[in-house]
Amino acid sequence: EAGVTAADHVMEVGPGLGSLTLAILETGATMTAVEIDPPLAERLPGTVAEFMPEATSRLTVVNRDALTVAPENVPDFSDDASFTLVANLPYNVATPILLTLLERFDNLGSFLVMVQKEVALRMIAKPGTKDYGALSVAVQYYTEPDIVLDVPPKSFLPAPAVTSSVIRCVLRDKPPVDVIDEKLFFRVVKAGFAQRRKTFSNTMKTTGLTRDRIEELLAKANIDGQRRGETFTLQEFADVANAWAALIK
């Protein structure tokens, strides 16, 4: 489903014992595995050497927390060549890992990851639904997400208490909305979901803006501040952020 070929460079986060690593290397791809656990990172090259010795030269193992990964400390991904992320992400940190990689790597071309189903549903959620949140906005701003399949608990030993999903996200050539300042955009998004039961005007106070300034930028953006942030489209978040950017010029 990831469409990996011998011409591709792949990043895997959390390879563990290397089952997925071996499957990726079977395609002929070159890959870098990011593993936080030192014993597992040390063991992985030996596993590949045992089962697929001809592939050892195509594997680089980086013993690092994926939340600290950046182009400067993963040299294989520091140039402009596009790469693919394929991973069974650690469920407890799947969301921050994805957001970190999306923000830091301009050359991430696509990713196919397995996460908890509830996380996958949040990634594709639409405004006004219970699953819609800051993750939905960020993923849909950067990518076009699509759930490929669900994976039932019985597929694992031991069986977990949750259903998993494999989701594919293809990076957009450009975001679907025009934004003057991305940092301001994501500040507005974060504020919009900070207190879901409150109106957008009230949640915007978490940005440090005064009530008068909030009313000013909402009027400029033609936005009803009595709505809740969870009803806002990407375009409406962008309108507020762009109004803010214009006011502080």
Foldseek 3Di string as FASTA:
>chain_A
DQPQALVAEEEEEACQQPPVVLVNVVRNHQYEYEAQDVVRLVCNLVVCCVPPVVSSVRYHYHRHDLLPDACVVPVVQVDQAAHEYEYADDAVCVQSSVLSCLVHHPRHFKYKYKYFPLLLCLCCDDFPDPSDALNVLSLLQFWDKDWDDKAAQVVDVVRDPTIMTIMMTGTDPHGPEDAPDVVLLSLLRCLLHVPQVAFSLVSNVVVVDDSVVSVVLCVQLVHDRRHGSSNDDSHSSRSSSRSVVVVVD
